[in-house]
Amino acid sequence: MLGLLLAGSLALTGCGQAMAAENHVRAPIAQTKAKESGLKTAIFAGGCFWGVEAVFSHVKGVKSAVAGYHGGTERQASYKLVSSGVTDHVEAVKITYDPSQIRYDQLLRIFFSVVADPTLRNQQGPDRGAQYNAELAPTSAEQLRVAKAYLAQMKRSGVWDKPIVTDIVRAQAFYPAEDYHQNFALKNPRHGYILRWDAPKVAALKEFYPAVYRASFLKD
């Protein structure tokens, strides 16, 4: 995320440089449904965590969404180091959700429809580097079962022209990012990166899945 202080600029803003807009697709309805009860947590890495957090903050049934760093070590879990690409972290968001309102398989569908391009490795949108890789980090055997089944279904679906390369990784330590990264889109709605990259993701969520769209931001 370069040029954090250049709010409003489309040259170097937020997580990277302004480029052509992303295409959003309607990912297929999951054939394998998650069977969970009680509040659950899930970890999604899909490029800059601002947009991942912004989208899930607008999903009904999501109770919290925390931007942070997945993997690596606690000592190196800082924006300065992670964004430089010298650590083993990826930018990620840890959410808590109520399966009676939104299932894990539905969260996967949302993620691949409007957040992450599953055909890209070590990049998303304008951002480049392993710290921006799209990854699923299941926190339970049930999430792992559903994630494997859904990625296999995506590969068969023909929705994407290129191979699906999103990784399923072992859930590791998650370190919350600095306070100024939390609820970033809510706090900085006119920031150039938010306008260019993340507001369209939230708009696509509203268009594709109005039944689960929550108009107001989730405030942790």
Protein backbone atom coordinates (compact mmCIF):
# COMPACT_ATOMS: atom_id res chain seq x y z
CA MET A 1 0.00 0.00 0.00
CA LEU A 2 1.98 2.91 -1.30
CA GLY A 3 1.52 6.58 -0.69
CA LEU A 4 -0.84 6.23 2.24
CA LEU A 5 -0.87 9.96 2.85
CA LEU A 6 -1.80 10.87 -0.71
CA ALA A 7 -5.52 10.73 -0.07
CA GLY A 8 -7.55 11.69 -3.11
CA SER A 9 -4.72 11.05 -5.55
CA LEU A 10 -5.06 8.38 -8.22
CA ALA A 11 -1.36 8.28 -9.02
CA LEU A 12 -0.01 6.45 -6.00
CA THR A 13 -2.66 5.76 -3.41
CA GLY A 14 -3.47 3.29 -0.69
CA CYS A 15 -2.37 -0.21 -1.58
CA GLY A 16 -0.79 0.67 -4.93
CA GLN A 17 -1.04 2.46 -8.24
CA ALA A 18 -4.29 3.23 -10.03
CA MET A 19 -4.80 0.96 -13.00
CA ALA A 20 -7.66 -0.43 -15.06
CA ALA A 21 -10.74 -1.37 -13.04
CA GLU A 22 -11.31 -4.95 -11.93
CA ASN A 23 -14.01 -7.13 -13.40
CA HIS A 24 -16.48 -8.66 -10.99
CA VAL A 25 -18.21 -11.96 -11.74
CA ARG A 26 -21.03 -13.97 -10.22
CA ALA A 27 -19.29 -16.99 -8.80
CA PRO A 28 -21.38 -20.19 -8.80
CA ILE A 29 -23.66 -21.14 -5.94
CA ALA A 30 -21.80 -23.65 -3.81
CA GLN A 31 -22.94 -27.23 -4.23
CA THR A 32 -21.39 -28.16 -0.88
CA LYS A 33 -23.09 -26.30 1.95
CA ALA A 34 -21.33 -25.55 5.21
CA LYS A 35 -22.82 -27.14 8.32
CA GLU A 36 -21.90 -24.96 11.25
CA SER A 37 -23.56 -23.54 14.34
CA GLY A 38 -22.59 -20.84 16.80
CA LEU A 39 -20.33 -17.92 15.99
CA LYS A 40 -17.40 -18.89 13.76
CA THR A 41 -14.24 -17.19 12.53
CA ALA A 42 -12.75 -17.25 9.05
CA ILE A 43 -9.62 -15.79 7.49
CA PHE A 44 -9.58 -14.42 3.95
CA ALA A 45 -6.57 -12.96 2.14
CA GLY A 46 -7.44 -11.18 -1.07
CA GLY A 47 -4.99 -8.38 -1.77
CA CYS A 48 -5.16 -5.10 0.10
CA PHE A 49 -7.05 -5.70 3.33
CA TRP A 50 -8.93 -2.42 3.05
CA GLY A 51 -11.23 -3.80 0.37
CA VAL A 52 -11.63 -7.25 1.93
CA GLU A 53 -12.68 -5.66 5.19
CA ALA A 54 -14.97 -3.16 3.47
CA VAL A 55 -16.90 -5.87 1.63
CA PHE A 56 -17.36 -8.19 4.59
CA SER A 57 -18.35 -5.24 6.78
CA HIS A 58 -21.39 -4.90 4.53
CA VAL A 59 -22.47 -8.55 4.76
CA LYS A 60 -25.38 -9.42 7.03
CA GLY A 61 -24.38 -11.99 9.61
CA VAL A 62 -20.77 -10.82 9.83
CA LYS A 63 -20.23 -9.64 13.39
CA SER A 64 -16.68 -8.33 13.15
CA ALA A 65 -14.02 -7.83 10.49
CA VAL A 66 -10.42 -7.15 11.48
CA ALA A 67 -7.66 -6.22 9.05
CA GLY A 68 -4.33 -7.82 9.82
CA TYR A 69 -1.39 -9.98 8.91
CA HIS A 70 -1.65 -13.76 8.59
CA GLY A 71 1.37 -16.00 9.12
CA GLY A 72 4.91 -14.87 9.72
CA THR A 73 6.09 -13.76 13.14
CA GLU A 74 4.74 -11.29 15.66
CA ARG A 75 7.99 -9.33 15.61
CA GLN A 76 7.64 -8.60 11.88
CA ALA A 77 3.87 -8.06 11.88
CA SER A 78 3.90 -4.37 11.02
CA TYR A 79 2.66 -2.49 8.00
CA LYS A 80 6.10 -1.11 7.20
CA LEU A 81 7.66 -4.57 6.99
CA VAL A 82 4.76 -6.54 5.50
CA SER A 83 4.09 -4.02 2.74
CA SER A 84 7.77 -4.14 1.77
CA GLY A 85 7.42 -7.82 0.96
CA VAL A 86 10.27 -8.99 3.20
CA THR A 87 8.15 -11.04 5.64
CA ASP A 88 6.14 -14.24 5.41
CA HIS A 89 2.81 -12.54 6.10
CA VAL A 90 -0.10 -11.87 3.78
CA GLU A 91 -2.55 -9.03 4.28
CA ALA A 92 -5.76 -10.66 5.44
CA VAL A 93 -9.04 -10.10 7.24
CA LYS A 94 -10.33 -12.21 10.11
CA ILE A 95 -14.10 -12.19 10.35
CA THR A 96 -16.52 -13.49 12.92
CA TYR A 97 -19.87 -14.57 11.50
CA ASP A 98 -23.15 -16.19 12.46
CA PRO A 99 -23.77 -19.29 10.28
CA SER A 100 -27.52 -18.99 10.91
CA GLN A 101 -27.40 -15.77 8.88
CA ILE A 102 -24.51 -16.34 6.45
CA ARG A 103 -22.80 -19.66 5.77
CA TYR A 104 -19.12 -20.16 5.03
CA ASP A 105 -19.88 -21.35 1.50
CA GLN A 106 -21.84 -18.14 0.90
CA LEU A 107 -18.89 -16.12 2.18
CA LEU A 108 -16.67 -17.94 -0.31
CA ARG A 109 -19.05 -17.07 -3.14
CA ILE A 110 -19.02 -13.40 -2.15
CA PHE A 111 -15.24 -13.42 -1.83
CA PHE A 112 -14.64 -14.76 -5.32
CA SER A 113 -17.40 -12.67 -6.89
CA VAL A 114 -16.43 -9.22 -5.73
CA VAL A 115 -13.21 -9.33 -3.68
CA ALA A 116 -10.49 -11.55 -5.16
CA ASP A 117 -9.62 -12.73 -8.66
CA PRO A 118 -8.86 -16.44 -8.17
CA THR A 119 -6.76 -16.58 -11.35
CA LEU A 120 -4.03 -14.29 -9.97
CA ARG A 121 -1.08 -15.34 -7.84
CA ASN A 122 0.88 -12.89 -5.68
CA GLN A 123 -1.20 -9.97 -6.87
CA GLN A 124 -4.67 -8.47 -6.73
CA GLY A 125 -5.80 -5.35 -8.51
CA PRO A 126 -2.89 -2.91 -8.67
CA ASP A 127 -0.91 -4.58 -5.89
CA ARG A 128 2.04 -6.91 -6.49
CA GLY A 129 3.91 -9.20 -4.13
CA ALA A 130 3.39 -12.38 -2.11
CA GLN A 131 1.88 -10.27 0.68
CA TYR A 132 -1.13 -9.70 -1.62
CA ASN A 133 -1.71 -13.35 -2.57
CA ALA A 134 -5.30 -14.59 -2.46
CA GLU A 135 -5.54 -17.35 0.14
CA LEU A 136 -8.16 -19.19 2.15
CA ALA A 137 -7.11 -20.16 5.66
CA PRO A 138 -9.84 -22.48 7.02
CA THR A 139 -10.08 -22.44 10.81
CA SER A 140 -11.95 -25.75 11.09
CA ALA A 141 -12.25 -29.13 9.39
CA GLU A 142 -15.67 -28.12 8.09
CA GLN A 143 -14.37 -24.95 6.49
CA LEU A 144 -11.54 -26.94 4.91
CA ARG A 145 -14.02 -29.45 3.49
CA VAL A 146 -16.19 -26.72 2.02
CA ALA A 147 -13.26 -24.67 0.68
CA LYS A 148 -11.76 -27.66 -1.15
CA ALA A 149 -15.11 -28.56 -2.66
CA TYR A 150 -15.80 -25.00 -3.76
CA LEU A 151 -12.43 -24.48 -5.42
CA ALA A 152 -12.92 -27.76 -7.29
CA GLN A 153 -16.37 -26.58 -8.36
CA MET A 154 -14.96 -23.23 -9.50
CA LYS A 155 -12.42 -25.02 -11.69
CA ARG A 156 -15.20 -26.99 -13.38
CA SER A 157 -17.56 -24.04 -13.73
CA GLY A 158 -16.09 -22.32 -16.78
CA VAL A 159 -16.81 -18.92 -15.20
CA TRP A 160 -13.13 -17.95 -15.37
CA ASP A 161 -11.09 -18.08 -18.56
CA LYS A 162 -7.79 -18.68 -16.75
CA PRO A 163 -6.81 -21.43 -14.27
CA ILE A 164 -7.90 -21.07 -10.65
CA VAL A 165 -4.76 -20.64 -8.54
CA THR A 166 -6.05 -19.47 -5.15
CA ASP A 167 -4.35 -21.36 -2.33
CA ILE A 168 -5.81 -23.10 0.70
CA VAL A 169 -3.29 -22.65 3.49
CA ARG A 170 -3.05 -23.78 7.09
CA ALA A 171 -4.47 -21.25 9.50
CA GLN A 172 -1.63 -19.64 11.41
CA ALA A 173 -1.26 -16.75 13.80
CA PHE A 174 -3.23 -13.64 12.89
CA TYR A 175 -1.93 -10.26 13.98
CA PRO A 176 -4.33 -7.29 13.84
CA ALA A 177 -3.01 -4.40 11.78
CA GLU A 178 -2.38 -0.94 13.13
CA ASP A 179 -5.42 1.04 14.28
CA TYR A 180 -5.40 3.36 11.27
CA HIS A 181 -5.99 0.37 8.97
CA GLN A 182 -9.12 -0.74 10.81
CA ASN A 183 -12.38 0.39 9.17
CA PHE A 184 -10.23 2.28 6.68
CA ALA A 185 -12.91 2.64 4.01
CA LEU A 186 -15.39 3.91 6.59
CA LYS A 187 -12.91 6.48 7.92
CA ASN A 188 -11.58 7.52 4.49
CA PRO A 189 -14.45 7.31 1.99
CA ARG A 190 -12.87 9.90 -0.35
CA HIS A 191 -9.43 8.32 -0.39
CA GLY A 192 -8.34 7.78 -3.99
CA TYR A 193 -7.62 4.08 -3.57
CA ILE A 194 -10.96 3.45 -1.87
CA LEU A 195 -12.86 5.24 -4.63
CA ARG A 196 -10.99 3.48 -7.41
CA TRP A 197 -10.77 -0.07 -6.06
CA ASP A 198 -12.88 -0.75 -3.01
CA ALA A 199 -16.10 1.24 -3.45
CA PRO A 200 -16.77 -0.72 -6.70
CA LYS A 201 -16.41 -3.98 -4.76
CA VAL A 202 -19.03 -2.89 -2.25
CA ALA A 203 -21.28 -1.72 -5.10
CA ALA A 204 -20.91 -5.12 -6.78
CA LEU A 205 -21.84 -6.84 -3.51
CA LYS A 206 -25.03 -4.77 -3.35
CA GLU A 207 -25.85 -5.52 -6.99
CA PHE A 208 -25.09 -9.25 -6.94
CA TYR A 209 -26.32 -10.20 -3.47
CA PRO A 210 -28.88 -7.66 -2.23
CA ALA A 211 -30.41 -10.18 0.19
CA VAL A 212 -27.24 -10.25 2.31
CA TYR A 213 -26.11 -6.67 1.73
CA ARG A 214 -26.05 -4.37 4.76
CA ALA A 215 -26.09 -0.70 3.85
CA SER A 216 -24.22 0.57 6.89
CA PHE A 217 -20.63 -0.25 7.71
CA LEU A 218 -19.95 -2.71 10.48
CA LYS A 219 -18.18 -0.89 13.29
CA ASP A 220 -15.95 -3.05 15.46
